């Protein structure tokens, strides 16, 4: 007879843990909203992204876009015009992430009443 021992799965901060790495970048307050806005609206200029989110500061949007661009999820295109025109859009990898984000958004919408009720208890 074989006896199996149940071992705990851990997520230690050893090396580059992909779970910690990705969730720390996407789990901030603004990244998912920027990705959703670009998904719904398509290619947008900086000011349009800011308008679509509403309560994000110019500084935080710039930081968030730089981070998403560095991760390869958002593409930035600069046009040689006066004044300069800059547009942002999702990359192929950003588009591949969207179904997962949409599942999370759907879950959040469906479960928000229950979560609010639980918080009030």
PDB file of N, CA and C in Angstrom:
ATOM      1  N   UNK A   1       0.837  -1.181   0.000  1.00  0.00           N
ATOM      2  CA  UNK A   1       0.000   0.000   0.000  1.00  0.00           C
ATOM      3  C   UNK A   1       0.880   1.242   0.000  1.00  0.00           C
ATOM      4  N   UNK A   2       0.558   2.154  -0.892  1.00  0.00           N
ATOM      5  CA  UNK A   2       1.308   3.401  -0.980  1.00  0.00           C
ATOM      6  C   UNK A   2       0.668   4.465  -0.114  1.00  0.00           C
ATOM      7  N   UNK A   3       1.491   5.192   0.575  1.00  0.00           N
ATOM      8  CA  UNK A   3       1.005   6.311   1.386  1.00  0.00           C
ATOM      9  C   UNK A   3       1.528   7.593   0.759  1.00  0.00           C
ATOM     10  N   UNK A   4       0.595   8.442   0.369  1.00  0.00           N
ATOM     11  CA  UNK A   4       0.977   9.708  -0.241  1.00  0.00           C
ATOM     12  C   UNK A   4       0.944  10.797   0.814  1.00  0.00           C
ATOM     13  N   UNK A   5       1.951  11.555   0.833  1.00  0.00           N
ATOM     14  CA  UNK A   5       2.016  12.672   1.755  1.00  0.00           C
ATOM     15  C   UNK A   5       1.639  13.937   1.022  1.00  0.00           C
ATOM     16  N   UNK A   6       0.733  14.638   1.574  1.00  0.00           N
ATOM     17  CA  UNK A   6       0.316  15.894   0.973  1.00  0.00           C
ATOM     18  C   UNK A   6       1.351  16.961   1.333  1.00  0.00           C
ATOM     19  N   UNK A   7       1.927  17.581   0.329  1.00  0.00           N
ATOM     20  CA  UNK A   7       2.902  18.637   0.605  1.00  0.00           C
ATOM     21  C   UNK A   7       2.314  19.979   0.213  1.00  0.00           C
ATOM     22  N   UNK A   8       2.669  20.959   0.982  1.00  0.00           N
ATOM     23  CA  UNK A   8       2.158  22.308   0.724  1.00  0.00           C
ATOM     24  C   UNK A   8       2.923  22.932  -0.447  1.00  0.00           C
ATOM     25  N   UNK A   9       2.197  23.537  -1.334  1.00  0.00           N
ATOM     26  CA  UNK A   9       2.805  24.289  -2.427  1.00  0.00           C
ATOM     27  C   UNK A   9       3.142  25.679  -1.896  1.00  0.00           C
ATOM     28  N   UNK A  10       4.329  26.135  -2.165  1.00  0.00           N
ATOM     29  CA  UNK A  10       4.746  27.439  -1.649  1.00  0.00           C
ATOM     30  C   UNK A  10       5.084  28.387  -2.783  1.00  0.00           C
ATOM     31  N   UNK A  11       5.039  29.654  -2.468  1.00  0.00           N
ATOM     32  CA  UNK A  11       5.360  30.702  -3.427  1.00  0.00           C
ATOM     33  C   UNK A  11       6.400  31.620  -2.784  1.00  0.00           C
ATOM     34  N   UNK A  12       7.544  31.049  -2.506  1.00  0.00           N
ATOM     35  CA  UNK A  12       8.601  31.788  -1.841  1.00  0.00           C
ATOM     36  C   UNK A  12       9.237  32.790  -2.794  1.00  0.00           C
ATOM     37  N   UNK A  13       9.765  33.826  -2.210  1.00  0.00           N
ATOM     38  CA  UNK A  13      10.427  34.868  -3.011  1.00  0.00           C
ATOM     39  C   UNK A  13      11.829  34.406  -3.378  1.00  0.00           C
ATOM     40  N   UNK A  14      11.915  33.334  -4.119  1.00  0.00           N
ATOM     41  CA  UNK A  14      13.194  32.790  -4.544  1.00  0.00           C
ATOM     42  C   UNK A  14      13.335  33.042  -6.038  1.00  0.00           C
ATOM     43  N   UNK A  15      14.380  33.745  -6.408  1.00  0.00           N
ATOM     44  CA  UNK A  15      14.598  34.013  -7.826  1.00  0.00           C
ATOM     45  C   UNK A  15      13.457  34.807  -8.423  1.00  0.00           C
ATOM     46  N   UNK A  16      13.095  34.446  -9.615  1.00  0.00           N
ATOM     47  CA  UNK A  16      12.008  35.124 -10.310  1.00  0.00           C
ATOM     48  C   UNK A  16      10.755  34.260 -10.287  1.00  0.00           C
ATOM     49  N   UNK A  17       9.997  34.349  -9.218  1.00  0.00           N
ATOM     50  CA  UNK A  17       8.736  33.629  -9.124  1.00  0.00           C
ATOM     51  C   UNK A  17       7.760  34.272 -10.105  1.00  0.00           C
ATOM     52  N   UNK A  18       7.305  33.543 -11.127  1.00  0.00           N
ATOM     53  CA  UNK A  18       6.429  34.151 -12.130  1.00  0.00           C
ATOM     54  C   UNK A  18       5.108  34.649 -11.542  1.00  0.00           C
ATOM     55  N   UNK A  19       4.597  33.971 -10.528  1.00  0.00           N
ATOM     56  CA  UNK A  19       3.332  34.407  -9.925  1.00  0.00           C
ATOM     57  C   UNK A  19       3.511  35.772  -9.267  1.00  0.00           C
ATOM     58  N   UNK A  20       4.519  35.894  -8.420  1.00  0.00           N
ATOM     59  CA  UNK A  20       4.780  37.177  -7.756  1.00  0.00           C
ATOM     60  C   UNK A  20       5.105  38.275  -8.775  1.00  0.00           C
ATOM     61  N   UNK A  21       5.940  37.915  -9.728  1.00  0.00           N
ATOM     62  CA  UNK A  21       6.398  38.883 -10.714  1.00  0.00           C
ATOM     63  C   UNK A  21       5.238  39.499 -11.486  1.00  0.00           C
ATOM     64  N   UNK A  22       4.392  38.683 -12.053  1.00  0.00           N
ATOM     65  CA  UNK A  22       3.292  39.178 -12.887  1.00  0.00           C
ATOM     66  C   UNK A  22       2.206  39.831 -12.047  1.00  0.00           C
ATOM     67  N   UNK A  23       1.823  39.200 -10.942  1.00  0.00           N
ATOM     68  CA  UNK A  23       0.755  39.765 -10.119  1.00  0.00           C
ATOM     69  C   UNK A  23       1.152  41.103  -9.504  1.00  0.00           C
ATOM     70  N   UNK A  24       2.432  41.276  -9.199  1.00  0.00           N
ATOM     71  CA  UNK A  24       2.847  42.565  -8.647  1.00  0.00           C
ATOM     72  C   UNK A  24       2.723  43.669  -9.684  1.00  0.00           C
ATOM     73  N   UNK A  25       2.910  43.336 -10.949  1.00  0.00           N
ATOM     74  CA  UNK A  25       2.795  44.349 -12.004  1.00  0.00           C
ATOM     75  C   UNK A  25       1.341  44.617 -12.378  1.00  0.00           C
ATOM     76  N   UNK A  26       0.538  43.583 -12.460  1.00  0.00           N
ATOM     77  CA  UNK A  26      -0.858  43.752 -12.880  1.00  0.00           C
ATOM     78  C   UNK A  26      -1.797  44.005 -11.707  1.00  0.00           C
ATOM     79  N   UNK A  27      -1.335  43.749 -10.503  1.00  0.00           N
ATOM     80  CA  UNK A  27      -2.187  43.874  -9.335  1.00  0.00           C
ATOM     81  C   UNK A  27      -2.209  45.261  -8.726  1.00  0.00           C
ATOM     82  N   UNK A  28      -1.616  46.224  -9.387  1.00  0.00           N
ATOM     83  CA  UNK A  28      -1.667  47.584  -8.853  1.00  0.00           C
ATOM     84  C   UNK A  28      -3.052  48.180  -9.119  1.00  0.00           C
ATOM     85  N   UNK A  29      -3.216  49.411  -8.739  1.00  0.00           N
ATOM     86  CA  UNK A  29      -4.536  50.030  -8.819  1.00  0.00           C
ATOM     87  C   UNK A  29      -4.976  50.362 -10.248  1.00  0.00           C
ATOM     88  N   UNK A  30      -4.027  50.564 -11.166  1.00  0.00           N
ATOM     89  CA  UNK A  30      -4.379  51.143 -12.468  1.00  0.00           C
ATOM     90  C   UNK A  30      -4.138  50.254 -13.688  1.00  0.00           C
ATOM     91  N   UNK A  31      -3.221  49.318 -13.631  1.00  0.00           N
ATOM     92  CA  UNK A  31      -2.832  48.570 -14.840  1.00  0.00           C
ATOM     93  C   UNK A  31      -3.999  47.882 -15.530  1.00  0.00           C
ATOM     94  N   UNK A  32      -4.824  47.175 -14.761  1.00  0.00           N
ATOM     95  CA  UNK A  32      -5.957  46.480 -15.378  1.00  0.00           C
ATOM     96  C   UNK A  32      -6.936  47.455 -16.011  1.00  0.00           C
ATOM     97  N   UNK A  33      -7.143  48.605 -15.364  1.00  0.00           N
ATOM     98  CA  UNK A  33      -8.060  49.596 -15.940  1.00  0.00           C
ATOM     99  C   UNK A  33      -7.524  50.157 -17.254  1.00  0.00           C
ATOM    100  N   UNK A  34      -6.218  50.379 -17.331  1.00  0.00           N
ATOM    101  CA  UNK A  34      -5.621  50.856 -18.586  1.00  0.00           C
ATOM    102  C   UNK A  34      -5.779  49.802 -19.670  1.00  0.00           C
ATOM    103  N   UNK A  35      -5.487  48.550 -19.330  1.00  0.00           N
ATOM    104  CA  UNK A  35      -5.622  47.477 -20.319  1.00  0.00           C
ATOM    105  C   UNK A  35      -7.066  47.319 -20.783  1.00  0.00           C
ATOM    106  N   UNK A  36      -8.006  47.395 -19.867  1.00  0.00           N
ATOM    107  CA  UNK A  36      -9.428  47.292 -20.228  1.00  0.00           C
ATOM    108  C   UNK A  36      -9.841  48.463 -21.106  1.00  0.00           C
ATOM    109  N   UNK A  37      -9.393  49.662 -20.764  1.00  0.00           N
ATOM    110  CA  UNK A  37      -9.731  50.838 -21.565  1.00  0.00           C
ATOM    111  C   UNK A  37      -9.212  50.704 -22.991  1.00  0.00           C
ATOM    112  N   UNK A  38      -7.973  50.246 -23.144  1.00  0.00           N
ATOM    113  CA  UNK A  38      -7.422  50.062 -24.487  1.00  0.00           C
ATOM    114  C   UNK A  38      -8.137  48.938 -25.225  1.00  0.00           C
ATOM    115  N   UNK A  39      -8.588  47.936 -24.500  1.00  0.00           N
ATOM    116  CA  UNK A  39      -9.322  46.838 -25.115  1.00  0.00           C
ATOM    117  C   UNK A  39     -10.663  47.314 -25.664  1.00  0.00           C
ATOM    118  N   UNK A  40     -11.371  48.082 -24.862  1.00  0.00           N
ATOM    119  CA  UNK A  40     -12.717  48.529 -25.230  1.00  0.00           C
ATOM    120  C   UNK A  40     -12.678  49.640 -26.276  1.00  0.00           C
ATOM    121  N   UNK A  41     -11.721  50.548 -26.134  1.00  0.00           N
ATOM    122  CA  UNK A  41     -11.684  51.736 -26.989  1.00  0.00           C
ATOM    123  C   UNK A  41     -10.709  51.658 -28.152  1.00  0.00           C
ATOM    124  N   UNK A  42      -9.832  50.683 -28.154  1.00  0.00           N
ATOM    125  CA  UNK A  42      -8.820  50.593 -29.202  1.00  0.00           C
ATOM    126  C   UNK A  42      -7.678  51.559 -28.945  1.00  0.00           C
ATOM    127  N   UNK A  43      -6.991  51.953 -29.983  1.00  0.00           N
ATOM    128  CA  UNK A  43      -5.846  52.857 -29.872  1.00  0.00           C
ATOM    129  C   UNK A  43      -6.294  54.200 -29.321  1.00  0.00           C
ATOM    130  N   UNK A  44      -5.559  54.683 -28.305  1.00  0.00           N
ATOM    131  CA  UNK A  44      -5.920  55.942 -27.659  1.00  0.00           C
ATOM    132  C   UNK A  44      -4.700  56.809 -27.413  1.00  0.00           C
ATOM    133  N   UNK A  45      -4.934  58.093 -27.371  1.00  0.00           N
ATOM    134  CA  UNK A  45      -3.901  59.038 -26.942  1.00  0.00           C
ATOM    135  C   UNK A  45      -3.910  59.089 -25.418  1.00  0.00           C
ATOM    136  N   UNK A  46      -2.824  59.601 -24.853  1.00  0.00           N
ATOM    137  CA  UNK A  46      -2.656  59.684 -23.405  1.00  0.00           C
ATOM    138  C   UNK A  46      -3.858  60.347 -22.741  1.00  0.00           C
ATOM    139  N   UNK A  47      -4.258  61.504 -23.258  1.00  0.00           N
ATOM    140  CA  UNK A  47      -5.365  62.253 -22.638  1.00  0.00           C
ATOM    141  C   UNK A  47      -6.676  61.482 -22.716  1.00  0.00           C
ATOM    142  N   UNK A  48      -6.861  60.708 -23.772  1.00  0.00           N
ATOM    143  CA  UNK A  48      -8.089  59.912 -23.901  1.00  0.00           C
ATOM    144  C   UNK A  48      -8.118  58.747 -22.917  1.00  0.00           C
ATOM    145  N   UNK A  49      -6.953  58.147 -22.680  1.00  0.00           N
ATOM    146  CA  UNK A  49      -6.894  57.084 -21.672  1.00  0.00           C
ATOM    147  C   UNK A  49      -7.242  57.679 -20.316  1.00  0.00           C
ATOM    148  N   UNK A  50      -6.664  58.832 -20.031  1.00  0.00           N
ATOM    149  CA  UNK A  50      -6.923  59.493 -18.744  1.00  0.00           C
ATOM    150  C   UNK A  50      -8.405  59.819 -18.580  1.00  0.00           C
ATOM    151  N   UNK A  51      -9.043  60.308 -19.636  1.00  0.00           N
ATOM    152  CA  UNK A  51     -10.481  60.615 -19.581  1.00  0.00           C
ATOM    153  C   UNK A  51     -11.306  59.348 -19.384  1.00  0.00           C
ATOM    154  N   UNK A  52     -10.891  58.256 -20.017  1.00  0.00           N
ATOM    155  CA  UNK A  52     -11.676  57.023 -19.933  1.00  0.00           C
ATOM    156  C   UNK A  52     -11.621  56.404 -18.532  1.00  0.00           C
ATOM    157  N   UNK A  53     -10.544  56.673 -17.797  1.00  0.00           N
ATOM    158  CA  UNK A  53     -10.420  56.133 -16.433  1.00  0.00           C
ATOM    159  C   UNK A  53     -10.967  57.117 -15.413  1.00  0.00           C
ATOM    160  N   UNK A  54     -10.736  58.379 -15.637  1.00  0.00           N
ATOM    161  CA  UNK A  54     -11.339  59.406 -14.792  1.00  0.00           C
ATOM    162  C   UNK A  54     -10.493  59.883 -13.641  1.00  0.00           C
ATOM    163  N   UNK A  55     -10.237  59.037 -12.669  1.00  0.00           N
ATOM    164  CA  UNK A  55      -9.604  59.519 -11.442  1.00  0.00           C
ATOM    165  C   UNK A  55      -8.120  59.185 -11.325  1.00  0.00           C
ATOM    166  N   UNK A  56      -7.454  58.909 -12.428  1.00  0.00           N
ATOM    167  CA  UNK A  56      -6.020  58.643 -12.404  1.00  0.00           C
ATOM    168  C   UNK A  56      -5.271  59.948 -12.660  1.00  0.00           C
ATOM    169  N   UNK A  57      -4.200  60.168 -11.917  1.00  0.00           N
ATOM    170  CA  UNK A  57      -3.410  61.376 -12.121  1.00  0.00           C
ATOM    171  C   UNK A  57      -2.542  61.209 -13.368  1.00  0.00           C
ATOM    172  N   UNK A  58      -2.096  62.315 -13.893  1.00  0.00           N
ATOM    173  CA  UNK A  58      -1.247  62.298 -15.081  1.00  0.00           C
ATOM    174  C   UNK A  58       0.046  61.527 -14.785  1.00  0.00           C
ATOM    175  N   UNK A  59       0.602  61.748 -13.624  1.00  0.00           N
ATOM    176  CA  UNK A  59       1.845  61.077 -13.236  1.00  0.00           C
ATOM    177  C   UNK A  59       1.650  59.562 -13.140  1.00  0.00           C
ATOM    178  N   UNK A  60       0.578  59.126 -12.481  1.00  0.00           N
ATOM    179  CA  UNK A  60       0.341  57.689 -12.328  1.00  0.00           C
ATOM    180  C   UNK A  60       0.047  57.018 -13.671  1.00  0.00           C
ATOM    181  N   UNK A  61      -0.645  57.715 -14.547  1.00  0.00           N
ATOM    182  CA  UNK A  61      -0.908  57.146 -15.865  1.00  0.00           C
ATOM    183  C   UNK A  61       0.402  56.980 -16.631  1.00  0.00           C
ATOM    184  N   UNK A  62       1.272  57.968 -16.558  1.00  0.00           N
ATOM    185  CA  UNK A  62       2.567  57.876 -17.245  1.00  0.00           C
ATOM    186  C   UNK A  62       3.382  56.702 -16.700  1.00  0.00           C
ATOM    187  N   UNK A  63       3.419  56.555 -15.385  1.00  0.00           N
ATOM    188  CA  UNK A  63       4.156  55.444 -14.762  1.00  0.00           C
ATOM    189  C   UNK A  63       3.555  54.103 -15.179  1.00  0.00           C
ATOM    190  N   UNK A  64       2.236  54.009 -15.153  1.00  0.00           N
ATOM    191  CA  UNK A  64       1.546  52.763 -15.507  1.00  0.00           C
ATOM    192  C   UNK A  64       1.786  52.398 -16.965  1.00  0.00           C
ATOM    193  N   UNK A  65       1.677  53.376 -17.853  1.00  0.00           N
ATOM    194  CA  UNK A  65       1.906  53.104 -19.273  1.00  0.00           C
ATOM    195  C   UNK A  65       3.344  52.671 -19.529  1.00  0.00           C
ATOM    196  N   UNK A  66       4.304  53.314 -18.867  1.00  0.00           N
ATOM    197  CA  UNK A  66       5.711  52.920 -19.019  1.00  0.00           C
ATOM    198  C   UNK A  66       5.918  51.478 -18.568  1.00  0.00           C
ATOM    199  N   UNK A  67       5.301  51.117 -17.461  1.00  0.00           N
ATOM    200  CA  UNK A  67       5.427  49.765 -16.927  1.00  0.00           C
ATOM    201  C   UNK A  67       4.801  48.744 -17.880  1.00  0.00           C
ATOM    202  N   UNK A  68       3.612  49.028 -18.372  1.00  0.00           N
ATOM    203  CA  UNK A  68       2.933  48.117 -19.301  1.00  0.00           C
ATOM    204  C   UNK A  68       3.691  48.009 -20.619  1.00  0.00           C
ATOM    205  N   UNK A  69       4.307  49.109 -21.041  1.00  0.00           N
ATOM    206  CA  UNK A  69       5.116  49.090 -22.263  1.00  0.00           C
ATOM    207  C   UNK A  69       6.379  48.255 -22.040  1.00  0.00           C
ATOM    208  N   UNK A  70       7.018  48.422 -20.878  1.00  0.00           N
ATOM    209  CA  UNK A  70       8.226  47.653 -20.567  1.00  0.00           C
ATOM    210  C   UNK A  70       7.933  46.156 -20.515  1.00  0.00           C
ATOM    211  N   UNK A  71       6.732  45.788 -20.075  1.00  0.00           N
ATOM    212  CA  UNK A  71       6.333  44.378 -20.007  1.00  0.00           C
ATOM    213  C   UNK A  71       5.875  43.829 -21.357  1.00  0.00           C
ATOM    214  N   UNK A  72       5.761  44.696 -22.353  1.00  0.00           N
ATOM    215  CA  UNK A  72       5.359  44.243 -23.681  1.00  0.00           C
ATOM    216  C   UNK A  72       3.866  44.081 -23.863  1.00  0.00           C
ATOM    217  N   UNK A  73       3.072  44.691 -22.977  1.00  0.00           N
ATOM    218  CA  UNK A  73       1.615  44.574 -23.071  1.00  0.00           C
ATOM    219  C   UNK A  73       0.982  45.732 -23.830  1.00  0.00           C
ATOM    220  N   UNK A  74       1.673  46.863 -23.856  1.00  0.00           N
ATOM    221  CA  UNK A  74       1.179  48.070 -24.517  1.00  0.00           C
ATOM    222  C   UNK A  74       2.267  48.591 -25.451  1.00  0.00           C
ATOM    223  N   UNK A  75       1.833  49.064 -26.594  1.00  0.00           N
ATOM    224  CA  UNK A  75       2.743  49.652 -27.566  1.00  0.00           C
ATOM    225  C   UNK A  75       2.534  51.163 -27.618  1.00  0.00           C
ATOM    226  N   UNK A  76       3.623  51.895 -27.696  1.00  0.00           N
ATOM    227  CA  UNK A  76       3.590  53.367 -27.761  1.00  0.00           C
ATOM    228  C   UNK A  76       4.127  53.793 -29.119  1.00  0.00           C
ATOM    229  N   UNK A  77       3.340  54.594 -29.835  1.00  0.00           N
ATOM    230  CA  UNK A  77       3.758  55.090 -31.145  1.00  0.00           C
ATOM    231  C   UNK A  77       3.818  56.610 -31.104  1.00  0.00           C
ATOM    232  N   UNK A  78       4.979  57.147 -31.452  1.00  0.00           N
ATOM    233  CA  UNK A  78       5.171  58.599 -31.469  1.00  0.00           C
ATOM    234  C   UNK A  78       5.198  59.049 -32.921  1.00  0.00           C
ATOM    235  N   UNK A  79       4.377  60.050 -33.235  1.00  0.00           N
ATOM    236  CA  UNK A  79       4.320  60.615 -34.581  1.00  0.00           C
ATOM    237  C   UNK A  79       5.087  61.933 -34.595  1.00  0.00           C
ATOM    238  N   UNK A  80       5.907  62.109 -35.623  1.00  0.00           N
ATOM    239  CA  UNK A  80       6.724  63.324 -35.739  1.00  0.00           C
ATOM    240  C   UNK A  80       5.862  64.476 -36.234  1.00  0.00           C
ATOM    241  N   UNK A  81       5.130  65.070 -35.317  1.00  0.00           N
ATOM    242  CA  UNK A  81       4.262  66.213 -35.623  1.00  0.00           C
ATOM    243  C   UNK A  81       4.519  67.291 -34.590  1.00  0.00           C
ATOM    244  N   UNK A  82       4.019  68.457 -34.860  1.00  0.00           N
ATOM    245  CA  UNK A  82       4.078  69.530 -33.876  1.00  0.00           C
ATOM    246  C   UNK A  82       2.653  69.951 -33.578  1.00  0.00           C
ATOM    247  N   UNK A  83       2.168  69.802 -32.359  1.00  0.00           N
ATOM    248  CA  UNK A  83       2.835  69.146 -31.229  1.00  0.00           C
ATOM    249  C   UNK A  83       2.906  67.640 -31.443  1.00  0.00           C
ATOM    250  N   UNK A  84       3.829  66.972 -30.739  1.00  0.00           N
ATOM    251  CA  UNK A  84       3.982  65.525 -30.932  1.00  0.00           C
ATOM    252  C   UNK A  84       2.691  64.769 -30.616  1.00  0.00           C
ATOM    253  N   UNK A  85       2.428  63.776 -31.410  1.00  0.00           N
ATOM    254  CA  UNK A  85       1.246  62.932 -31.200  1.00  0.00           C
ATOM    255  C   UNK A  85       1.736  61.558 -30.751  1.00  0.00           C
ATOM    256  N   UNK A  86       1.192  61.067 -29.639  1.00  0.00           N
ATOM    257  CA  UNK A  86       1.574  59.764 -29.096  1.00  0.00           C
ATOM    258  C   UNK A  86       0.307  58.942 -28.904  1.00  0.00           C
ATOM    259  N   UNK A  87       0.324  57.713 -29.399  1.00  0.00           N
ATOM    260  CA  UNK A  87      -0.818  56.816 -29.257  1.00  0.00           C
ATOM    261  C   UNK A  87      -0.381  55.518 -28.590  1.00  0.00           C
ATOM    262  N   UNK A  88      -1.321  54.927 -27.865  1.00  0.00           N
ATOM    263  CA  UNK A  88      -1.080  53.675 -27.161  1.00  0.00           C
ATOM    264  C   UNK A  88      -2.093  52.642 -27.628  1.00  0.00           C
ATOM    265  N   UNK A  89      -1.632  51.405 -27.751  1.00  0.00           N
ATOM    266  CA  UNK A  89      -2.530  50.305 -28.089  1.00  0.00           C
ATOM    267  C   UNK A  89      -1.992  49.024 -27.455  1.00  0.00           C
ATOM    268  N   UNK A  90      -2.837  48.016 -27.412  1.00  0.00           N
ATOM    269  CA  UNK A  90      -2.416  46.726 -26.885  1.00  0.00           C
ATOM    270  C   UNK A  90      -1.524  46.014 -27.888  1.00  0.00           C
ATOM    271  N   UNK A  91      -0.539  45.314 -27.386  1.00  0.00           N
ATOM    272  CA  UNK A  91       0.274  44.456 -28.240  1.00  0.00           C
ATOM    273  C   UNK A  91      -0.428  43.105 -28.374  1.00  0.00           C
ATOM    274  N   UNK A  92       0.173  42.224 -29.145  1.00  0.00           N
ATOM    275  CA  UNK A  92      -0.389  40.873 -29.290  1.00  0.00           C
ATOM    276  C   UNK A  92      -0.445  40.180 -27.924  1.00  0.00           C
ATOM    277  N   UNK A  93       0.620  40.334 -27.137  1.00  0.00           N
ATOM    278  CA  UNK A  93       0.642  39.712 -25.814  1.00  0.00           C
ATOM    279  C   UNK A  93      -0.413  40.336 -24.896  1.00  0.00           C
ATOM    280  N   UNK A  94      -0.616  41.648 -25.014  1.00  0.00           N
ATOM    281  CA  UNK A  94      -1.662  42.310 -24.240  1.00  0.00           C
ATOM    282  C   UNK A  94      -3.035  41.791 -24.615  1.00  0.00           C
ATOM    283  N   UNK A  95      -3.265  41.571 -25.904  1.00  0.00           N
ATOM    284  CA  UNK A  95      -4.541  41.025 -26.366  1.00  0.00           C
ATOM    285  C   UNK A  95      -4.744  39.587 -25.887  1.00  0.00           C
ATOM    286  N   UNK A  96      -3.649  38.816 -25.794  1.00  0.00           N
ATOM    287  CA  UNK A  96      -3.748  37.439 -25.299  1.00  0.00           C
ATOM    288  C   UNK A  96      -4.119  37.401 -23.818  1.00  0.00           C
ATOM    289  N   UNK A  97      -3.788  38.455 -23.095  1.00  0.00           N
ATOM    290  CA  UNK A  97      -4.113  38.537 -21.673  1.00  0.00           C
ATOM    291  C   UNK A  97      -5.582  38.887 -21.448  1.00  0.00           C
ATOM    292  N   UNK A  98      -6.215  39.538 -22.419  1.00  0.00           N
ATOM    293  CA  UNK A  98      -7.580  40.053 -22.257  1.00  0.00           C
ATOM    294  C   UNK A  98      -8.627  39.032 -21.826  1.00  0.00           C
ATOM    295  N   UNK A  99      -8.671  37.834 -22.388  1.00  0.00           N
ATOM    296  CA  UNK A  99      -9.704  36.887 -21.925  1.00  0.00           C
ATOM    297  C   UNK A  99      -9.612  36.617 -20.424  1.00  0.00           C
ATOM    298  N   UNK A 100      -8.412  36.586 -19.899  1.00  0.00           N
ATOM    299  CA  UNK A 100      -8.231  36.342 -18.467  1.00  0.00           C
ATOM    300  C   UNK A 100      -8.722  37.540 -17.649  1.00  0.00           C
ATOM    301  N   UNK A 101      -8.435  38.733 -18.151  1.00  0.00           N
ATOM    302  CA  UNK A 101      -8.906  39.952 -17.484  1.00  0.00           C
ATOM    303  C   UNK A 101     -10.428  40.014 -17.552  1.00  0.00           C
ATOM    304  N   UNK A 102     -10.992  39.677 -18.711  1.00  0.00           N
ATOM    305  CA  UNK A 102     -12.447  39.709 -18.866  1.00  0.00           C
ATOM    306  C   UNK A 102     -13.124  38.705 -17.937  1.00  0.00           C
ATOM    307  N   UNK A 103     -12.501  37.548 -17.739  1.00  0.00           N
ATOM    308  CA  UNK A 103     -13.043  36.580 -16.775  1.00  0.00           C
ATOM    309  C   UNK A 103     -13.029  37.162 -15.369  1.00  0.00           C
ATOM    310  N   UNK A 104     -11.951  37.827 -15.009  1.00  0.00           N
ATOM    311  CA  UNK A 104     -11.850  38.448 -13.692  1.00  0.00           C
ATOM    312  C   UNK A 104     -12.882  39.556 -13.535  1.00  0.00           C
ATOM    313  N   UNK A 105     -13.052  40.373 -14.566  1.00  0.00           N
ATOM    314  CA  UNK A 105     -14.048  41.452 -14.525  1.00  0.00           C
ATOM    315  C   UNK A 105     -15.450  40.862 -14.389  1.00  0.00           C
ATOM    316  N   UNK A 106     -15.745  39.827 -15.158  1.00  0.00           N
ATOM    317  CA  UNK A 106     -17.053  39.179 -15.061  1.00  0.00           C
ATOM    318  C   UNK A 106     -17.298  38.614 -13.677  1.00  0.00           C
ATOM    319  N   UNK A 107     -16.277  37.981 -13.108  1.00  0.00           N
ATOM    320  CA  UNK A 107     -16.400  37.440 -11.754  1.00  0.00           C
ATOM    321  C   UNK A 107     -16.642  38.568 -10.760  1.00  0.00           C
ATOM    322  N   UNK A 108     -15.905  39.679 -10.909  1.00  0.00           N
ATOM    323  CA  UNK A 108     -16.058  40.816  -9.993  1.00  0.00           C
ATOM    324  C   UNK A 108     -17.465  41.393 -10.072  1.00  0.00           C
ATOM    325  N   UNK A 109     -17.977  41.555 -11.266  1.00  0.00           N
ATOM    326  CA  UNK A 109     -19.326  42.109 -11.439  1.00  0.00           C
ATOM    327  C   UNK A 109     -20.368  41.173 -10.825  1.00  0.00           C
ATOM    328  N   UNK A 110     -20.225  39.886 -11.086  1.00  0.00           N
ATOM    329  CA  UNK A 110     -21.201  38.917 -10.577  1.00  0.00           C
ATOM    330  C   UNK A 110     -21.151  38.778  -9.056  1.00  0.00           C
ATOM    331  N   UNK A 111     -19.984  38.953  -8.470  1.00  0.00           N
ATOM    332  CA  UNK A 111     -19.824  38.700  -7.038  1.00  0.00           C
ATOM    333  C   UNK A 111     -19.745  39.940  -6.161  1.00  0.00           C
ATOM    334  N   UNK A 112     -19.758  41.116  -6.739  1.00  0.00           N
ATOM    335  CA  UNK A 112     -19.660  42.340  -5.947  1.00  0.00           C
ATOM    336  C   UNK A 112     -20.755  42.441  -4.888  1.00  0.00           C
ATOM    337  N   UNK A 113     -22.021  42.164  -5.203  1.00  0.00           N
ATOM    338  CA  UNK A 113     -23.045  42.242  -4.150  1.00  0.00           C
ATOM    339  C   UNK A 113     -22.745  41.325  -2.962  1.00  0.00           C
ATOM    340  N   UNK A 114     -22.293  40.103  -3.241  1.00  0.00           N
ATOM    341  CA  UNK A 114     -21.970  39.160  -2.168  1.00  0.00           C
ATOM    342  C   UNK A 114     -20.771  39.633  -1.347  1.00  0.00           C
ATOM    343  N   UNK A 115     -19.785  40.193  -2.025  1.00  0.00           N
ATOM    344  CA  UNK A 115     -18.595  40.677  -1.334  1.00  0.00           C
ATOM    345  C   UNK A 115     -18.949  41.865  -0.447  1.00  0.00           C
ATOM    346  N   UNK A 116     -19.749  42.770  -0.962  1.00  0.00           N
ATOM    347  CA  UNK A 116     -20.174  43.933  -0.172  1.00  0.00           C
ATOM    348  C   UNK A 116     -20.969  43.477   1.054  1.00  0.00           C
ATOM    349  N   UNK A 117     -21.842  42.495   0.849  1.00  0.00           N
ATOM    350  CA  UNK A 117     -22.629  41.955   1.964  1.00  0.00           C
ATOM    351  C   UNK A 117     -21.713  41.330   3.023  1.00  0.00           C
ATOM    352  N   UNK A 118     -20.722  40.581   2.573  1.00  0.00           N
ATOM    353  CA  UNK A 118     -19.787  39.946   3.501  1.00  0.00           C
ATOM    354  C   UNK A 118     -18.982  40.994   4.269  1.00  0.00           C
ATOM    355  N   UNK A 119     -18.594  42.060   3.615  1.00  0.00           N
ATOM    356  CA  UNK A 119     -17.822  43.116   4.273  1.00  0.00           C
ATOM    357  C   UNK A 119     -18.640  43.819   5.350  1.00  0.00           C
ATOM    358  N   UNK A 120     -19.947  43.911   5.122  1.00  0.00           N
ATOM    359  CA  UNK A 120     -20.799  44.602   6.081  1.00  0.00           C
ATOM    360  C   UNK A 120     -21.074  43.766   7.327  1.00  0.00           C
ATOM    361  N   UNK A 121     -20.854  42.480   7.242  1.00  0.00           N
ATOM    362  CA  UNK A 121     -21.117  41.594   8.383  1.00  0.00           C
ATOM    363  C   UNK A 121     -20.070  41.704   9.424  1.00  0.00           C
TER     364      UNK A 121
END
